[in-house]
Amino acid sequence: MPSHTSSSSYTSKNSNRDSGGKSQNRHRLHVRLEEQNNHYRRHYRPFTIPSSFYNIVHVHRFTSIDTISTLISHFESCYRYSIDTESDRFTNELSLIQVHSIPQHLPSFIVLFELNHLPSSNTLLFEKINLLFRFLFRLGNAIFSWGSMNTELQSVIRMNLFT
């Protein structure tokens, strides 16, 4: 029994040394990465995309018909998009659909569909939003997504947003 106890304390001391060594290694890595970042800041300009290349539009119940009409005109002539979704952090339900149009000619649109704040389904605005989604998902479009679109958009299908 006693040898087991001393072995255990020996192991404990070694693990403390190892954790101290790991901590030092993490610190060295952090310092090295910080130096590398400072080098990049001194020698390279930050990557930026001029705001004239894109427009950000939030779509919700207060979006104007004129804004939606502008998006419809743009979506009619665009055939490539990227799409991503975000869920509510408390309920884990889908709350935002982000669509980035990739047109032949700039500007592009980044459209943020705020699902919890859409208009009632019996309004003209909802019908126009529905038309946007029909243009987005029409046959022949190239859509890039961050995962399975079917899985991510399943709950929105029940909202009749795509019909």
N, C-alpha and C. Protein backbone atom coordinates (compact mmCIF):
# COMPACT_ATOMS: atom_id res chain seq x y z
N MET A 1 0.80 -1.21 0.00
CA MET A 1 0.00 0.00 0.00
C MET A 1 0.85 1.27 0.00
N PRO A 2 1.83 1.38 0.92
CA PRO A 2 2.58 2.62 0.96
C PRO A 2 3.26 2.94 -0.36
N SER A 3 3.76 1.93 -1.08
CA SER A 3 4.43 2.22 -2.35
C SER A 3 3.44 2.82 -3.35
N HIS A 4 2.20 2.38 -3.27
CA HIS A 4 1.17 2.92 -4.16
C HIS A 4 0.96 4.40 -3.87
N THR A 5 0.93 4.76 -2.58
CA THR A 5 0.72 6.14 -2.19
C THR A 5 1.89 7.01 -2.65
N SER A 6 3.11 6.54 -2.43
CA SER A 6 4.26 7.34 -2.85
C SER A 6 4.30 7.45 -4.37
N SER A 7 3.91 6.38 -5.03
CA SER A 7 3.86 6.42 -6.50
C SER A 7 2.85 7.45 -6.96
N SER A 8 1.73 7.50 -6.23
CA SER A 8 0.68 8.45 -6.58
C SER A 8 1.17 9.88 -6.39
N SER A 9 1.86 10.14 -5.28
CA SER A 9 2.34 11.50 -5.06
C SER A 9 3.43 11.86 -6.07
N TYR A 10 4.22 10.88 -6.45
CA TYR A 10 5.25 11.11 -7.46
C TYR A 10 4.59 11.50 -8.78
N THR A 11 3.53 10.77 -9.14
CA THR A 11 2.80 11.07 -10.37
C THR A 11 2.19 12.46 -10.30
N SER A 12 1.66 12.80 -9.14
CA SER A 12 1.07 14.12 -8.96
C SER A 12 2.11 15.21 -9.15
N LYS A 13 3.31 15.02 -8.58
CA LYS A 13 4.37 16.01 -8.75
C LYS A 13 4.76 16.13 -10.22
N ASN A 14 4.85 14.99 -10.92
CA ASN A 14 5.21 15.03 -12.33
C ASN A 14 4.14 15.76 -13.14
N SER A 15 2.88 15.51 -12.82
CA SER A 15 1.82 16.16 -13.59
C SER A 15 1.84 17.67 -13.34
N ASN A 16 2.20 18.10 -12.11
CA ASN A 16 2.33 19.53 -11.85
C ASN A 16 3.44 20.13 -12.69
N ARG A 17 4.56 19.40 -12.79
CA ARG A 17 5.66 19.87 -13.63
C ARG A 17 5.21 19.94 -15.08
N ASP A 18 4.48 18.90 -15.53
CA ASP A 18 4.01 18.88 -16.91
C ASP A 18 3.07 20.04 -17.19
N SER A 19 2.16 20.32 -16.25
CA SER A 19 1.22 21.41 -16.49
C SER A 19 1.95 22.74 -16.49
N GLY A 20 3.00 22.88 -15.66
CA GLY A 20 3.81 24.09 -15.70
C GLY A 20 4.53 24.22 -17.03
N GLY A 21 5.02 23.10 -17.53
CA GLY A 21 5.68 23.09 -18.84
C GLY A 21 4.72 23.43 -19.96
N LYS A 22 3.51 22.91 -19.86
CA LYS A 22 2.49 23.22 -20.87
C LYS A 22 2.14 24.70 -20.83
N SER A 23 2.06 25.23 -19.64
CA SER A 23 1.75 26.65 -19.48
C SER A 23 2.85 27.51 -20.10
N GLN A 24 4.09 27.14 -19.87
CA GLN A 24 5.21 27.88 -20.47
C GLN A 24 5.18 27.77 -21.99
N ASN A 25 4.88 26.57 -22.49
CA ASN A 25 4.80 26.39 -23.94
C ASN A 25 3.69 27.24 -24.54
N ARG A 26 2.54 27.29 -23.86
CA ARG A 26 1.43 28.13 -24.34
C ARG A 26 1.84 29.60 -24.34
N HIS A 27 2.54 30.00 -23.29
CA HIS A 27 2.98 31.40 -23.20
C HIS A 27 3.95 31.73 -24.34
N ARG A 28 4.91 30.84 -24.59
CA ARG A 28 5.86 31.05 -25.69
C ARG A 28 5.14 31.14 -27.03
N LEU A 29 4.17 30.25 -27.23
CA LEU A 29 3.40 30.27 -28.47
C LEU A 29 2.64 31.58 -28.60
N HIS A 30 2.02 32.03 -27.51
CA HIS A 30 1.28 33.29 -27.52
C HIS A 30 2.20 34.46 -27.87
N VAL A 31 3.38 34.50 -27.27
CA VAL A 31 4.34 35.58 -27.54
C VAL A 31 4.77 35.54 -29.01
N ARG A 32 5.05 34.34 -29.52
CA ARG A 32 5.47 34.20 -30.92
C ARG A 32 4.37 34.65 -31.87
N LEU A 33 3.12 34.27 -31.59
CA LEU A 33 2.00 34.68 -32.44
C LEU A 33 1.80 36.19 -32.38
N GLU A 34 1.96 36.77 -31.21
CA GLU A 34 1.83 38.23 -31.06
C GLU A 34 2.90 38.95 -31.87
N GLU A 35 4.13 38.44 -31.82
CA GLU A 35 5.22 39.03 -32.62
C GLU A 35 4.92 38.91 -34.11
N GLN A 36 4.40 37.76 -34.52
CA GLN A 36 4.06 37.56 -35.92
C GLN A 36 2.94 38.53 -36.34
N ASN A 37 1.93 38.70 -35.50
CA ASN A 37 0.85 39.64 -35.81
C ASN A 37 1.38 41.07 -35.92
N ASN A 38 2.27 41.46 -35.02
CA ASN A 38 2.86 42.80 -35.10
C ASN A 38 3.65 42.98 -36.39
N HIS A 39 4.38 41.95 -36.79
CA HIS A 39 5.11 41.99 -38.06
C HIS A 39 4.15 42.21 -39.23
N TYR A 40 3.04 41.46 -39.24
CA TYR A 40 2.06 41.62 -40.31
C TYR A 40 1.45 43.02 -40.31
N ARG A 41 1.15 43.55 -39.13
CA ARG A 41 0.57 44.91 -39.05
C ARG A 41 1.53 45.96 -39.61
N ARG A 42 2.83 45.78 -39.35
CA ARG A 42 3.82 46.75 -39.83
C ARG A 42 4.04 46.65 -41.34
N HIS A 43 3.94 45.45 -41.90
CA HIS A 43 4.34 45.24 -43.30
C HIS A 43 3.19 45.09 -44.29
N TYR A 44 1.98 44.88 -43.82
CA TYR A 44 0.85 44.66 -44.73
C TYR A 44 -0.33 45.52 -44.32
N ARG A 45 -1.02 46.04 -45.32
CA ARG A 45 -2.24 46.78 -45.05
C ARG A 45 -3.37 45.80 -44.77
N PRO A 46 -4.35 46.18 -43.96
CA PRO A 46 -5.47 45.27 -43.68
C PRO A 46 -6.31 45.05 -44.93
N PHE A 47 -6.87 43.86 -45.04
CA PHE A 47 -7.75 43.54 -46.16
C PHE A 47 -9.10 44.21 -45.92
N THR A 48 -9.52 45.00 -46.87
CA THR A 48 -10.82 45.65 -46.77
C THR A 48 -11.54 45.56 -48.10
N ILE A 49 -12.83 45.54 -48.03
CA ILE A 49 -13.66 45.59 -49.24
C ILE A 49 -14.40 46.91 -49.17
N PRO A 50 -14.22 47.76 -50.17
CA PRO A 50 -14.92 49.06 -50.13
C PRO A 50 -16.43 48.88 -50.02
N SER A 51 -17.04 49.71 -49.21
CA SER A 51 -18.48 49.59 -49.01
C SER A 51 -19.27 49.88 -50.28
N SER A 52 -18.64 50.46 -51.28
CA SER A 52 -19.34 50.69 -52.55
C SER A 52 -19.54 49.39 -53.33
N PHE A 53 -18.89 48.31 -52.89
CA PHE A 53 -19.00 47.02 -53.58
C PHE A 53 -20.22 46.22 -53.12
N TYR A 54 -20.83 46.61 -52.02
CA TYR A 54 -21.95 45.82 -51.51
C TYR A 54 -22.93 46.72 -50.75
N ASN A 55 -24.14 46.24 -50.62
CA ASN A 55 -25.18 46.90 -49.83
C ASN A 55 -25.71 45.89 -48.82
N ILE A 56 -25.90 46.31 -47.60
CA ILE A 56 -26.47 45.44 -46.57
C ILE A 56 -27.92 45.84 -46.37
N VAL A 57 -28.81 44.85 -46.45
CA VAL A 57 -30.24 45.12 -46.29
C VAL A 57 -30.81 44.16 -45.24
N HIS A 58 -31.50 44.72 -44.26
CA HIS A 58 -32.21 43.92 -43.26
C HIS A 58 -33.65 43.78 -43.73
N VAL A 59 -34.14 42.55 -43.78
CA VAL A 59 -35.52 42.31 -44.20
C VAL A 59 -36.33 41.87 -42.99
N HIS A 60 -37.35 42.66 -42.69
CA HIS A 60 -38.25 42.42 -41.56
C HIS A 60 -39.56 43.12 -41.84
N ARG A 61 -40.45 43.15 -40.90
CA ARG A 61 -41.80 43.69 -41.13
C ARG A 61 -41.82 45.18 -41.43
N PHE A 62 -40.75 45.90 -41.16
CA PHE A 62 -40.70 47.34 -41.43
C PHE A 62 -39.92 47.70 -42.69
N THR A 63 -39.47 46.70 -43.43
CA THR A 63 -38.77 46.96 -44.68
C THR A 63 -39.76 47.52 -45.69
N SER A 64 -39.32 48.51 -46.44
CA SER A 64 -40.24 49.14 -47.40
C SER A 64 -40.41 48.27 -48.64
N ILE A 65 -41.55 48.43 -49.29
CA ILE A 65 -41.82 47.72 -50.54
C ILE A 65 -40.79 48.14 -51.60
N ASP A 66 -40.38 49.41 -51.60
CA ASP A 66 -39.37 49.88 -52.56
C ASP A 66 -38.05 49.13 -52.38
N THR A 67 -37.65 48.92 -51.14
CA THR A 67 -36.41 48.18 -50.88
C THR A 67 -36.53 46.75 -51.38
N ILE A 68 -37.65 46.11 -51.09
CA ILE A 68 -37.86 44.73 -51.55
C ILE A 68 -37.90 44.69 -53.08
N SER A 69 -38.51 45.68 -53.71
CA SER A 69 -38.56 45.73 -55.18
C SER A 69 -37.16 45.86 -55.77
N THR A 70 -36.30 46.64 -55.13
CA THR A 70 -34.91 46.75 -55.57
C THR A 70 -34.21 45.40 -55.47
N LEU A 71 -34.44 44.70 -54.37
CA LEU A 71 -33.85 43.37 -54.20
C LEU A 71 -34.38 42.39 -55.24
N ILE A 72 -35.67 42.45 -55.52
CA ILE A 72 -36.26 41.55 -56.52
C ILE A 72 -35.60 41.78 -57.88
N SER A 73 -35.44 43.04 -58.28
CA SER A 73 -34.78 43.35 -59.56
C SER A 73 -33.37 42.79 -59.58
N HIS A 74 -32.67 42.93 -58.48
CA HIS A 74 -31.30 42.42 -58.40
C HIS A 74 -31.29 40.89 -58.46
N PHE A 75 -32.16 40.25 -57.69
CA PHE A 75 -32.20 38.79 -57.65
C PHE A 75 -32.63 38.20 -58.99
N GLU A 76 -33.43 38.93 -59.76
CA GLU A 76 -33.85 38.45 -61.08
C GLU A 76 -32.65 38.25 -62.01
N SER A 77 -31.64 39.10 -61.86
CA SER A 77 -30.50 39.05 -62.78
C SER A 77 -29.27 38.38 -62.18
N CYS A 78 -29.39 37.84 -61.00
CA CYS A 78 -28.26 37.20 -60.33
C CYS A 78 -28.50 35.69 -60.25
N TYR A 79 -27.43 34.92 -60.44
CA TYR A 79 -27.57 33.47 -60.47
C TYR A 79 -26.63 32.74 -59.51
N ARG A 80 -25.85 33.50 -58.73
CA ARG A 80 -24.93 32.89 -57.75
C ARG A 80 -25.11 33.58 -56.40
N TYR A 81 -25.17 32.75 -55.37
CA TYR A 81 -25.40 33.25 -54.02
C TYR A 81 -24.63 32.41 -53.02
N SER A 82 -24.32 33.01 -51.89
CA SER A 82 -23.90 32.22 -50.74
C SER A 82 -24.96 32.42 -49.67
N ILE A 83 -25.15 31.41 -48.86
CA ILE A 83 -26.22 31.46 -47.85
C ILE A 83 -25.69 30.86 -46.55
N ASP A 84 -26.10 31.46 -45.46
CA ASP A 84 -25.74 30.96 -44.14
C ASP A 84 -26.91 31.25 -43.21
N THR A 85 -27.00 30.50 -42.16
CA THR A 85 -28.09 30.70 -41.20
C THR A 85 -27.52 30.84 -39.80
N GLU A 86 -28.28 31.50 -38.96
CA GLU A 86 -27.92 31.63 -37.55
C GLU A 86 -29.14 31.29 -36.72
N SER A 87 -28.89 30.65 -35.59
CA SER A 87 -29.97 30.28 -34.68
C SER A 87 -29.93 31.16 -33.44
N ASP A 88 -31.08 31.29 -32.81
CA ASP A 88 -31.18 32.02 -31.55
C ASP A 88 -30.34 31.28 -30.51
N ARG A 89 -29.55 32.01 -29.76
CA ARG A 89 -28.64 31.34 -28.82
C ARG A 89 -29.36 30.74 -27.63
N PHE A 90 -30.58 31.18 -27.34
CA PHE A 90 -31.32 30.63 -26.20
C PHE A 90 -32.25 29.49 -26.62
N THR A 91 -32.97 29.68 -27.72
CA THR A 91 -33.94 28.66 -28.14
C THR A 91 -33.37 27.69 -29.16
N ASN A 92 -32.25 28.04 -29.76
CA ASN A 92 -31.61 27.24 -30.80
C ASN A 92 -32.49 27.10 -32.05
N GLU A 93 -33.48 27.97 -32.20
CA GLU A 93 -34.32 27.97 -33.39
C GLU A 93 -33.74 28.92 -34.42
N LEU A 94 -33.93 28.59 -35.68
CA LEU A 94 -33.43 29.42 -36.77
C LEU A 94 -34.01 30.82 -36.66
N SER A 95 -33.15 31.84 -36.70
CA SER A 95 -33.63 33.21 -36.53
C SER A 95 -33.15 34.16 -37.62
N LEU A 96 -32.12 33.77 -38.37
CA LEU A 96 -31.57 34.67 -39.37
C LEU A 96 -31.09 33.86 -40.57
N ILE A 97 -31.45 34.32 -41.76
CA ILE A 97 -30.90 33.76 -42.99
C ILE A 97 -30.10 34.88 -43.64
N GLN A 98 -28.82 34.61 -43.88
CA GLN A 98 -27.94 35.58 -44.52
C GLN A 98 -27.72 35.14 -45.96
N VAL A 99 -28.05 36.00 -46.89
CA VAL A 99 -27.86 35.70 -48.31
C VAL A 99 -26.94 36.76 -48.89
N HIS A 100 -25.89 36.31 -49.55
CA HIS A 100 -24.97 37.23 -50.24
C HIS A 100 -25.08 36.94 -51.72
N SER A 101 -25.53 37.93 -52.48
CA SER A 101 -25.61 37.75 -53.93
C SER A 101 -24.20 37.91 -54.50
N ILE A 102 -23.92 37.14 -55.54
CA ILE A 102 -22.63 37.21 -56.22
C ILE A 102 -22.92 37.54 -57.68
N PRO A 103 -23.16 38.82 -57.97
CA PRO A 103 -23.58 39.21 -59.32
C PRO A 103 -22.41 39.34 -60.29
N GLN A 104 -22.74 39.41 -61.58
CA GLN A 104 -21.72 39.65 -62.61
C GLN A 104 -21.11 41.04 -62.42
N HIS A 105 -21.93 42.01 -62.03
CA HIS A 105 -21.47 43.39 -61.87
C HIS A 105 -21.85 43.89 -60.48
N LEU A 106 -20.91 44.57 -59.86
CA LEU A 106 -21.14 45.10 -58.52
C LEU A 106 -22.13 46.26 -58.57
N PRO A 107 -22.79 46.55 -57.50
CA PRO A 107 -22.60 46.04 -56.15
C PRO A 107 -23.37 44.75 -55.91
N SER A 108 -22.92 44.02 -54.92
CA SER A 108 -23.66 42.84 -54.47
C SER A 108 -24.54 43.27 -53.30
N PHE A 109 -25.41 42.36 -52.90
CA PHE A 109 -26.27 42.62 -51.75
C PHE A 109 -26.03 41.56 -50.70
N ILE A 110 -25.96 41.98 -49.47
CA ILE A 110 -25.97 41.08 -48.33
C ILE A 110 -27.33 41.29 -47.68
N VAL A 111 -28.16 40.27 -47.75
CA VAL A 111 -29.54 40.39 -47.28
C VAL A 111 -29.69 39.56 -46.01
N LEU A 112 -30.13 40.21 -44.95
CA LEU A 112 -30.32 39.56 -43.66
C LEU A 112 -31.81 39.44 -43.40
N PHE A 113 -32.32 38.22 -43.55
CA PHE A 113 -33.74 37.95 -43.32
C PHE A 113 -33.93 37.66 -41.84
N GLU A 114 -34.58 38.56 -41.14
CA GLU A 114 -34.80 38.42 -39.70
C GLU A 114 -36.10 37.66 -39.48
N LEU A 115 -35.99 36.35 -39.34
CA LEU A 115 -37.16 35.46 -39.35
C LEU A 115 -38.15 35.73 -38.22
N ASN A 116 -37.67 36.17 -37.08
CA ASN A 116 -38.58 36.43 -35.96
C ASN A 116 -39.31 37.77 -36.09
N HIS A 117 -38.99 38.52 -37.13
CA HIS A 117 -39.57 39.85 -37.29
C HIS A 117 -40.15 40.05 -38.68
N LEU A 118 -40.55 38.97 -39.33
CA LEU A 118 -41.16 39.07 -40.66
C LEU A 118 -42.61 39.52 -40.53
N PRO A 119 -43.16 40.06 -41.62
CA PRO A 119 -44.57 40.48 -41.58
C PRO A 119 -45.49 39.28 -41.58
N SER A 120 -46.74 39.53 -41.33
CA SER A 120 -47.77 38.50 -41.38
C SER A 120 -47.82 37.91 -42.78
N SER A 121 -48.14 36.62 -42.87
CA SER A 121 -48.13 35.94 -44.17
C SER A 121 -49.22 36.40 -45.12
N ASN A 122 -50.19 37.18 -44.66
CA ASN A 122 -51.27 37.64 -45.54
C ASN A 122 -51.04 39.07 -46.03
N THR A 123 -49.78 39.55 -46.00
CA THR A 123 -49.49 40.92 -46.44
C THR A 123 -48.75 40.91 -47.78
N LEU A 124 -48.81 42.05 -48.46
CA LEU A 124 -48.08 42.22 -49.72
C LEU A 124 -46.58 42.10 -49.49
N LEU A 125 -46.10 42.64 -48.39
CA LEU A 125 -44.67 42.57 -48.09
C LEU A 125 -44.21 41.12 -47.97
N PHE A 126 -44.98 40.29 -47.30
CA PHE A 126 -44.62 38.87 -47.17
C PHE A 126 -44.59 38.20 -48.55
N GLU A 127 -45.55 38.52 -49.40
CA GLU A 127 -45.58 37.96 -50.76
C GLU A 127 -44.32 38.36 -51.53
N LYS A 128 -43.88 39.60 -51.37
CA LYS A 128 -42.66 40.08 -52.06
C LYS A 128 -41.42 39.36 -51.51
N ILE A 129 -41.38 39.16 -50.21
CA ILE A 129 -40.26 38.42 -49.61
C ILE A 129 -40.26 36.99 -50.13
N ASN A 130 -41.44 36.42 -50.23
CA ASN A 130 -41.58 35.07 -50.78
C ASN A 130 -41.05 35.02 -52.21
N LEU A 131 -41.34 36.04 -53.00
CA LEU A 131 -40.83 36.12 -54.38
C LEU A 131 -39.31 36.17 -54.40
N LEU A 132 -38.72 36.89 -53.46
CA LEU A 132 -37.26 36.92 -53.36
C LEU A 132 -36.70 35.51 -53.19
N PHE A 133 -37.31 34.74 -52.30
CA PHE A 133 -36.84 33.37 -52.08
C PHE A 133 -37.07 32.49 -53.31
N ARG A 134 -38.13 32.72 -54.05
CA ARG A 134 -38.35 31.95 -55.28
C ARG A 134 -37.24 32.24 -56.29
N PHE A 135 -36.84 33.51 -56.42
CA PHE A 135 -35.71 33.84 -57.31
C PHE A 135 -34.42 33.22 -56.79
N LEU A 136 -34.23 33.25 -55.50
CA LEU A 136 -33.02 32.69 -54.90
C LEU A 136 -32.90 31.19 -55.17
N PHE A 137 -34.00 30.46 -55.01
CA PHE A 137 -33.95 29.00 -55.13
C PHE A 137 -34.42 28.48 -56.48
N ARG A 138 -34.46 29.34 -57.49
CA ARG A 138 -34.89 28.87 -58.81
C ARG A 138 -33.85 27.92 -59.40
N LEU A 139 -34.34 27.07 -60.28
CA LEU A 139 -33.50 26.08 -60.95
C LEU A 139 -32.40 26.77 -61.74
N GLY A 140 -31.20 26.28 -61.65
CA GLY A 140 -30.08 26.83 -62.40
C GLY A 140 -29.18 27.75 -61.59
N ASN A 141 -29.62 28.18 -60.43
CA ASN A 141 -28.77 29.03 -59.59
C ASN A 141 -27.69 28.20 -58.91
N ALA A 142 -26.54 28.82 -58.70
CA ALA A 142 -25.47 28.20 -57.91
C ALA A 142 -25.55 28.81 -56.51
N ILE A 143 -25.73 27.95 -55.52
CA ILE A 143 -25.85 28.43 -54.14
C ILE A 143 -24.79 27.73 -53.29
N PHE A 144 -23.97 28.53 -52.66
CA PHE A 144 -22.91 28.02 -51.80
C PHE A 144 -23.38 28.17 -50.35
N SER A 145 -23.22 27.11 -49.57
CA SER A 145 -23.70 27.17 -48.18
C SER A 145 -22.66 26.57 -47.25
N TRP A 146 -22.82 26.85 -45.96
CA TRP A 146 -21.92 26.38 -44.92
C TRP A 146 -22.44 25.10 -44.29
N GLY A 147 -22.92 24.21 -45.08
CA GLY A 147 -23.47 22.97 -44.56
C GLY A 147 -24.67 22.57 -45.39
N SER A 148 -25.38 21.58 -44.94
CA SER A 148 -26.55 21.09 -45.66
C SER A 148 -27.68 22.12 -45.57
N MET A 149 -28.04 22.69 -46.72
CA MET A 149 -29.12 23.68 -46.73
C MET A 149 -30.44 23.04 -46.32
N ASN A 150 -30.67 21.81 -46.74
CA ASN A 150 -31.93 21.15 -46.38
C ASN A 150 -32.09 21.07 -44.87
N THR A 151 -31.01 20.70 -44.18
CA THR A 151 -31.07 20.59 -42.73
C THR A 151 -31.26 21.97 -42.09
N GLU A 152 -30.48 22.95 -42.54
CA GLU A 152 -30.53 24.27 -41.93
C GLU A 152 -31.85 24.99 -42.18
N LEU A 153 -32.47 24.75 -43.32
CA LEU A 153 -33.68 25.50 -43.69
C LEU A 153 -34.97 24.74 -43.42
N GLN A 154 -34.89 23.56 -42.82
CA GLN A 154 -36.07 22.73 -42.59
C GLN A 154 -37.16 23.49 -41.83
N SER A 155 -36.79 24.20 -40.79
CA SER A 155 -37.80 24.90 -39.99
C SER A 155 -38.45 26.05 -40.75
N VAL A 156 -37.74 26.65 -41.70
CA VAL A 156 -38.29 27.76 -42.48
C VAL A 156 -39.29 27.25 -43.51
N ILE A 157 -39.10 26.04 -43.96
CA ILE A 157 -40.03 25.45 -44.93
C ILE A 157 -41.43 25.41 -44.31
N ARG A 158 -41.50 25.13 -43.00
CA ARG A 158 -42.79 25.10 -42.31
C ARG A 158 -43.44 26.48 -42.20
N MET A 159 -42.66 27.55 -42.37
CA MET A 159 -43.19 28.91 -42.30
C MET A 159 -43.81 29.35 -43.63
N ASN A 160 -43.78 28.48 -44.64
CA ASN A 160 -44.27 28.79 -45.99
C ASN A 160 -43.55 29.98 -46.61
N LEU A 161 -42.30 30.15 -46.27
CA LEU A 161 -41.53 31.26 -46.81
C LEU A 161 -41.04 30.98 -48.22
N PHE A 162 -40.96 29.71 -48.58
CA PHE A 162 -40.41 29.34 -49.89
C PHE A 162 -41.47 28.89 -50.87
N THR A 163 -42.75 29.05 -50.56
CA THR A 163 -43.79 28.55 -51.48
C THR A 163 -44.43 29.67 -52.26
